[in-house]
Amino acid sequence: DMGSGASMDAFLSAREVGPIGKVIGVDMTAPMLARARANAERGGYSNVEFRLGEIENLPIAD
């Protein structure tokens, strides 16, 4: 989920991929990542990970 913000879209995706799948949310602001991580913990989303980065230079290996 690029530009994930508080990550509502990432959580919808996490439900779709289920417990064996993985969703990565990327945002360029640390405060929004902190909020997304708190939302993930509160919602019990263990298959979602959040990374600091920019869309033009994703923090994900090819």
PDB file of N, CA and C in Angstrom:
ATOM      1  N   ASP A   1       0.865  -1.170   0.000  1.00  0.00           N
ATOM      2  CA  ASP A   1       0.000   0.000   0.000  1.00  0.00           C
ATOM      3  C   ASP A   1       0.906   1.225   0.000  1.00  0.00           C
ATOM      4  N   MET A   2       0.978   1.914  -1.110  1.00  0.00           N
ATOM      5  CA  MET A   2       1.864   3.074  -1.216  1.00  0.00           C
ATOM      6  C   MET A   2       1.139   4.338  -0.769  1.00  0.00           C
ATOM      7  N   GLY A   3       1.804   5.127   0.050  1.00  0.00           N
ATOM      8  CA  GLY A   3       1.159   6.299   0.631  1.00  0.00           C
ATOM      9  C   GLY A   3       0.080   5.848   1.597  1.00  0.00           C
ATOM     10  N   SER A   4       0.434   4.907   2.469  1.00  0.00           N
ATOM     11  CA  SER A   4      -0.555   4.193   3.274  1.00  0.00           C
ATOM     12  C   SER A   4      -1.246   5.018   4.350  1.00  0.00           C
ATOM     13  N   GLY A   5      -0.651   6.103   4.799  1.00  0.00           N
ATOM     14  CA  GLY A   5      -1.304   6.902   5.829  1.00  0.00           C
ATOM     15  C   GLY A   5      -1.632   6.058   7.049  1.00  0.00           C
ATOM     16  N   ALA A   6      -2.867   6.144   7.518  1.00  0.00           N
ATOM     17  CA  ALA A   6      -3.291   5.363   8.683  1.00  0.00           C
ATOM     18  C   ALA A   6      -3.592   3.908   8.329  1.00  0.00           C
ATOM     19  N   SER A   7      -3.596   3.589   7.046  1.00  0.00           N
ATOM     20  CA  SER A   7      -3.603   2.228   6.505  1.00  0.00           C
ATOM     21  C   SER A   7      -4.924   1.492   6.422  1.00  0.00           C
ATOM     22  N   MET A   8      -5.991   2.161   6.217  1.00  0.00           N
ATOM     23  CA  MET A   8      -7.257   1.451   6.057  1.00  0.00           C
ATOM     24  C   MET A   8      -7.218   0.517   4.846  1.00  0.00           C
ATOM     25  N   ASP A   9      -6.613   0.956   3.734  1.00  0.00           N
ATOM     26  CA  ASP A   9      -6.521   0.089   2.552  1.00  0.00           C
ATOM     27  C   ASP A   9      -5.641  -1.126   2.818  1.00  0.00           C
ATOM     28  N   ALA A  10      -4.565  -0.935   3.557  1.00  0.00           N
ATOM     29  CA  ALA A  10      -3.689  -2.066   3.887  1.00  0.00           C
ATOM     30  C   ALA A  10      -4.443  -3.099   4.718  1.00  0.00           C
ATOM     31  N   PHE A  11      -5.295  -2.660   5.608  1.00  0.00           N
ATOM     32  CA  PHE A  11      -6.049  -3.592   6.437  1.00  0.00           C
ATOM     33  C   PHE A  11      -7.083  -4.353   5.616  1.00  0.00           C
ATOM     34  N   LEU A  12      -7.698  -3.682   4.651  1.00  0.00           N
ATOM     35  CA  LEU A  12      -8.620  -4.382   3.745  1.00  0.00           C
ATOM     36  C   LEU A  12      -7.864  -5.449   2.953  1.00  0.00           C
ATOM     37  N   SER A  13      -6.666  -5.102   2.488  1.00  0.00           N
ATOM     38  CA  SER A  13      -5.842  -6.067   1.752  1.00  0.00           C
ATOM     39  C   SER A  13      -5.421  -7.227   2.652  1.00  0.00           C
ATOM     40  N   ALA A  14      -5.101  -6.926   3.894  1.00  0.00           N
ATOM     41  CA  ALA A  14      -4.687  -7.966   4.840  1.00  0.00           C
ATOM     42  C   ALA A  14      -5.798  -8.989   5.044  1.00  0.00           C
ATOM     43  N   ARG A  15      -7.021  -8.534   5.061  1.00  0.00           N
ATOM     44  CA  ARG A  15      -8.146  -9.475   5.184  1.00  0.00           C
ATOM     45  C   ARG A  15      -8.240 -10.369   3.957  1.00  0.00           C
ATOM     46  N   GLU A  16      -7.966  -9.785   2.785  1.00  0.00           N
ATOM     47  CA  GLU A  16      -8.051 -10.547   1.536  1.00  0.00           C
ATOM     48  C   GLU A  16      -6.961 -11.613   1.429  1.00  0.00           C
ATOM     49  N   VAL A  17      -5.726 -11.278   1.812  1.00  0.00           N
ATOM     50  CA  VAL A  17      -4.628 -12.250   1.675  1.00  0.00           C
ATOM     51  C   VAL A  17      -4.615 -13.271   2.803  1.00  0.00           C
ATOM     52  N   GLY A  18      -5.289 -12.970   3.893  1.00  0.00           N
ATOM     53  CA  GLY A  18      -5.393 -13.912   4.997  1.00  0.00           C
ATOM     54  C   GLY A  18      -4.100 -14.074   5.779  1.00  0.00           C
ATOM     55  N   PRO A  19      -4.085 -14.998   6.718  1.00  0.00           N
ATOM     56  CA  PRO A  19      -2.939 -15.152   7.619  1.00  0.00           C
ATOM     57  C   PRO A  19      -1.660 -15.650   6.947  1.00  0.00           C
ATOM     58  N   ILE A  20      -1.764 -16.253   5.774  1.00  0.00           N
ATOM     59  CA  ILE A  20      -0.547 -16.719   5.105  1.00  0.00           C
ATOM     60  C   ILE A  20       0.032 -15.669   4.150  1.00  0.00           C
ATOM     61  N   GLY A  21      -0.716 -14.592   3.900  1.00  0.00           N
ATOM     62  CA  GLY A  21      -0.249 -13.519   3.032  1.00  0.00           C
ATOM     63  C   GLY A  21       0.411 -12.412   3.843  1.00  0.00           C
ATOM     64  N   LYS A  22       0.953 -11.432   3.117  1.00  0.00           N
ATOM     65  CA  LYS A  22       1.625 -10.320   3.775  1.00  0.00           C
ATOM     66  C   LYS A  22       1.338  -9.034   3.005  1.00  0.00           C
ATOM     67  N   VAL A  23       1.117  -7.966   3.730  1.00  0.00           N
ATOM     68  CA  VAL A  23       0.886  -6.646   3.141  1.00  0.00           C
ATOM     69  C   VAL A  23       1.957  -5.705   3.683  1.00  0.00           C
ATOM     70  N   ILE A  24       2.524  -4.903   2.791  1.00  0.00           N
ATOM     71  CA  ILE A  24       3.515  -3.906   3.198  1.00  0.00           C
ATOM     72  C   ILE A  24       2.958  -2.527   2.893  1.00  0.00           C
ATOM     73  N   GLY A  25       2.885  -1.696   3.908  1.00  0.00           N
ATOM     74  CA  GLY A  25       2.453  -0.313   3.740  1.00  0.00           C
ATOM     75  C   GLY A  25       3.666   0.598   3.774  1.00  0.00           C
ATOM     76  N   VAL A  26       3.713   1.552   2.847  1.00  0.00           N
ATOM     77  CA  VAL A  26       4.830   2.495   2.771  1.00  0.00           C
ATOM     78  C   VAL A  26       4.285   3.910   2.880  1.00  0.00           C
ATOM     79  N   ASP A  27       4.888   4.684   3.752  1.00  0.00           N
ATOM     80  CA  ASP A  27       4.531   6.099   3.869  1.00  0.00           C
ATOM     81  C   ASP A  27       5.811   6.896   4.100  1.00  0.00           C
ATOM     82  N   MET A  28       5.773   8.167   3.727  1.00  0.00           N
ATOM     83  CA  MET A  28       6.976   8.988   3.852  1.00  0.00           C
ATOM     84  C   MET A  28       7.025   9.800   5.139  1.00  0.00           C
ATOM     85  N   THR A  29       6.036   9.618   6.013  1.00  0.00           N
ATOM     86  CA  THR A  29       6.032  10.367   7.267  1.00  0.00           C
ATOM     87  C   THR A  29       5.996   9.425   8.468  1.00  0.00           C
ATOM     88  N   ALA A  30       6.933   9.621   9.362  1.00  0.00           N
ATOM     89  CA  ALA A  30       7.020   8.779  10.560  1.00  0.00           C
ATOM     90  C   ALA A  30       5.770   8.858  11.431  1.00  0.00           C
ATOM     91  N   PRO A  31       5.145  10.036  11.607  1.00  0.00           N
ATOM     92  CA  PRO A  31       3.934  10.079  12.434  1.00  0.00           C
ATOM     93  C   PRO A  31       2.792   9.215  11.877  1.00  0.00           C
ATOM     94  N   MET A  32       2.640   9.176  10.552  1.00  0.00           N
ATOM     95  CA  MET A  32       1.582   8.340   9.980  1.00  0.00           C
ATOM     96  C   MET A  32       1.917   6.858  10.123  1.00  0.00           C
ATOM     97  N   LEU A  33       3.197   6.511  10.023  1.00  0.00           N
ATOM     98  CA  LEU A  33       3.589   5.115  10.242  1.00  0.00           C
ATOM     99  C   LEU A  33       3.310   4.696  11.675  1.00  0.00           C
ATOM    100  N   ALA A  34       3.576   5.579  12.619  1.00  0.00           N
ATOM    101  CA  ALA A  34       3.294   5.264  14.023  1.00  0.00           C
ATOM    102  C   ALA A  34       1.799   5.047  14.222  1.00  0.00           C
ATOM    103  N   ARG A  35       1.014   5.865  13.574  1.00  0.00           N
ATOM    104  CA  ARG A  35      -0.446   5.718  13.675  1.00  0.00           C
ATOM    105  C   ARG A  35      -0.901   4.408  13.039  1.00  0.00           C
ATOM    106  N   ALA A  36      -0.342   4.093  11.861  1.00  0.00           N
ATOM    107  CA  ALA A  36      -0.703   2.847  11.179  1.00  0.00           C
ATOM    108  C   ALA A  36      -0.314   1.633  12.011  1.00  0.00           C
ATOM    109  N   ARG A  37       0.875   1.668  12.598  1.00  0.00           N
ATOM    110  CA  ARG A  37       1.313   0.541  13.440  1.00  0.00           C
ATOM    111  C   ARG A  37       0.413   0.376  14.655  1.00  0.00           C
ATOM    112  N   ALA A  38       0.009   1.480  15.249  1.00  0.00           N
ATOM    113  CA  ALA A  38      -0.903   1.416  16.397  1.00  0.00           C
ATOM    114  C   ALA A  38      -2.249   0.850  15.964  1.00  0.00           C
ATOM    115  N   ASN A  39      -2.743   1.268  14.799  1.00  0.00           N
ATOM    116  CA  ASN A  39      -4.008   0.739  14.278  1.00  0.00           C
ATOM    117  C   ASN A  39      -3.903  -0.755  13.996  1.00  0.00           C
ATOM    118  N   ALA A  40      -2.750  -1.189  13.456  1.00  0.00           N
ATOM    119  CA  ALA A  40      -2.551  -2.614  13.168  1.00  0.00           C
ATOM    120  C   ALA A  40      -2.557  -3.430  14.456  1.00  0.00           C
ATOM    121  N   GLU A  41      -1.885  -2.925  15.460  1.00  0.00           N
ATOM    122  CA  GLU A  41      -1.851  -3.638  16.743  1.00  0.00           C
ATOM    123  C   GLU A  41      -3.241  -3.706  17.363  1.00  0.00           C
ATOM    124  N   ARG A  42      -3.918  -2.589  17.335  1.00  0.00           N
ATOM    125  CA  ARG A  42      -5.266  -2.528  17.905  1.00  0.00           C
ATOM    126  C   ARG A  42      -6.222  -3.459  17.163  1.00  0.00           C
ATOM    127  N   GLY A  43      -6.041  -3.569  15.830  1.00  0.00           N
ATOM    128  CA  GLY A  43      -6.915  -4.416  15.025  1.00  0.00           C
ATOM    129  C   GLY A  43      -6.470  -5.860  14.920  1.00  0.00           C
ATOM    130  N   GLY A  44      -5.302  -6.195  15.468  1.00  0.00           N
ATOM    131  CA  GLY A  44      -4.817  -7.562  15.428  1.00  0.00           C
ATOM    132  C   GLY A  44      -4.297  -8.002  14.065  1.00  0.00           C
ATOM    133  N   TYR A  45      -3.793  -7.059  13.269  1.00  0.00           N
ATOM    134  CA  TYR A  45      -3.274  -7.375  11.941  1.00  0.00           C
ATOM    135  C   TYR A  45      -1.793  -7.731  12.029  1.00  0.00           C
ATOM    136  N   SER A  46      -1.511  -9.003  12.162  1.00  0.00           N
ATOM    137  CA  SER A  46      -0.115  -9.451  12.279  1.00  0.00           C
ATOM    138  C   SER A  46       0.534  -9.662  10.910  1.00  0.00           C
ATOM    139  N   ASN A  47      -0.239  -9.609   9.844  1.00  0.00           N
ATOM    140  CA  ASN A  47       0.297  -9.827   8.498  1.00  0.00           C
ATOM    141  C   ASN A  47       0.518  -8.515   7.741  1.00  0.00           C
ATOM    142  N   VAL A  48       0.598  -7.397   8.466  1.00  0.00           N
ATOM    143  CA  VAL A  48       0.851  -6.092   7.850  1.00  0.00           C
ATOM    144  C   VAL A  48       2.128  -5.503   8.444  1.00  0.00           C
ATOM    145  N   GLU A  49       2.983  -5.006   7.571  1.00  0.00           N
ATOM    146  CA  GLU A  49       4.246  -4.383   7.973  1.00  0.00           C
ATOM    147  C   GLU A  49       4.285  -2.979   7.372  1.00  0.00           C
ATOM    148  N   PHE A  50       4.849  -2.035   8.089  1.00  0.00           N
ATOM    149  CA  PHE A  50       4.931  -0.663   7.608  1.00  0.00           C
ATOM    150  C   PHE A  50       6.376  -0.215   7.525  1.00  0.00           C
ATOM    151  N   ARG A  51       6.692   0.475   6.423  1.00  0.00           N
ATOM    152  CA  ARG A  51       8.059   0.945   6.195  1.00  0.00           C
ATOM    153  C   ARG A  51       8.054   2.418   5.804  1.00  0.00           C
ATOM    154  N   LEU A  52       9.075   3.106   6.253  1.00  0.00           N
ATOM    155  CA  LEU A  52       9.275   4.501   5.896  1.00  0.00           C
ATOM    156  C   LEU A  52       9.924   4.564   4.522  1.00  0.00           C
ATOM    157  N   GLY A  53       9.341   5.328   3.611  1.00  0.00           N
ATOM    158  CA  GLY A  53       9.918   5.444   2.279  1.00  0.00           C
ATOM    159  C   GLY A  53       9.079   6.317   1.378  1.00  0.00           C
ATOM    160  N   GLU A  54       9.573   6.513   0.181  1.00  0.00           N
ATOM    161  CA  GLU A  54       8.886   7.304  -0.834  1.00  0.00           C
ATOM    162  C   GLU A  54       8.513   6.409  -2.006  1.00  0.00           C
ATOM    163  N   ILE A  55       7.443   6.745  -2.675  1.00  0.00           N
ATOM    164  CA  ILE A  55       6.947   5.944  -3.788  1.00  0.00           C
ATOM    165  C   ILE A  55       7.993   5.836  -4.891  1.00  0.00           C
ATOM    166  N   GLU A  56       8.757   6.910  -5.105  1.00  0.00           N
ATOM    167  CA  GLU A  56       9.768   6.914  -6.154  1.00  0.00           C
ATOM    168  C   GLU A  56      10.979   6.042  -5.815  1.00  0.00           C
ATOM    169  N   ASN A  57      11.131   5.692  -4.547  1.00  0.00           N
ATOM    170  CA  ASN A  57      12.279   4.901  -4.102  1.00  0.00           C
ATOM    171  C   ASN A  57      11.804   3.954  -3.000  1.00  0.00           C
ATOM    172  N   LEU A  58      11.100   2.922  -3.404  1.00  0.00           N
ATOM    173  CA  LEU A  58      10.465   2.019  -2.437  1.00  0.00           C
ATOM    174  C   LEU A  58      11.491   1.251  -1.597  1.00  0.00           C
ATOM    175  N   PRO A  59      11.222   1.124  -0.299  1.00  0.00           N
ATOM    176  CA  PRO A  59      12.112   0.386   0.598  1.00  0.00           C
ATOM    177  C   PRO A  59      11.822  -1.118   0.585  1.00  0.00           C
ATOM    178  N   ILE A  60      11.772  -1.672  -0.630  1.00  0.00           N
ATOM    179  CA  ILE A  60      11.430  -3.081  -0.813  1.00  0.00           C
ATOM    180  C   ILE A  60      12.384  -3.667  -1.848  1.00  0.00           C
ATOM    181  N   ALA A  61      12.918  -4.828  -1.575  1.00  0.00           N
ATOM    182  CA  ALA A  61      13.827  -5.483  -2.526  1.00  0.00           C
ATOM    183  C   ALA A  61      13.057  -5.891  -3.781  1.00  0.00           C
ATOM    184  N   ASP A  62      13.741  -5.858  -4.918  1.00  0.00           N
ATOM    185  CA  ASP A  62      13.114  -6.267  -6.195  1.00  0.00           C
ATOM    186  C   ASP A  62      12.875  -7.744  -6.240  1.00  0.00           C
TER     187      ASP A  62
END
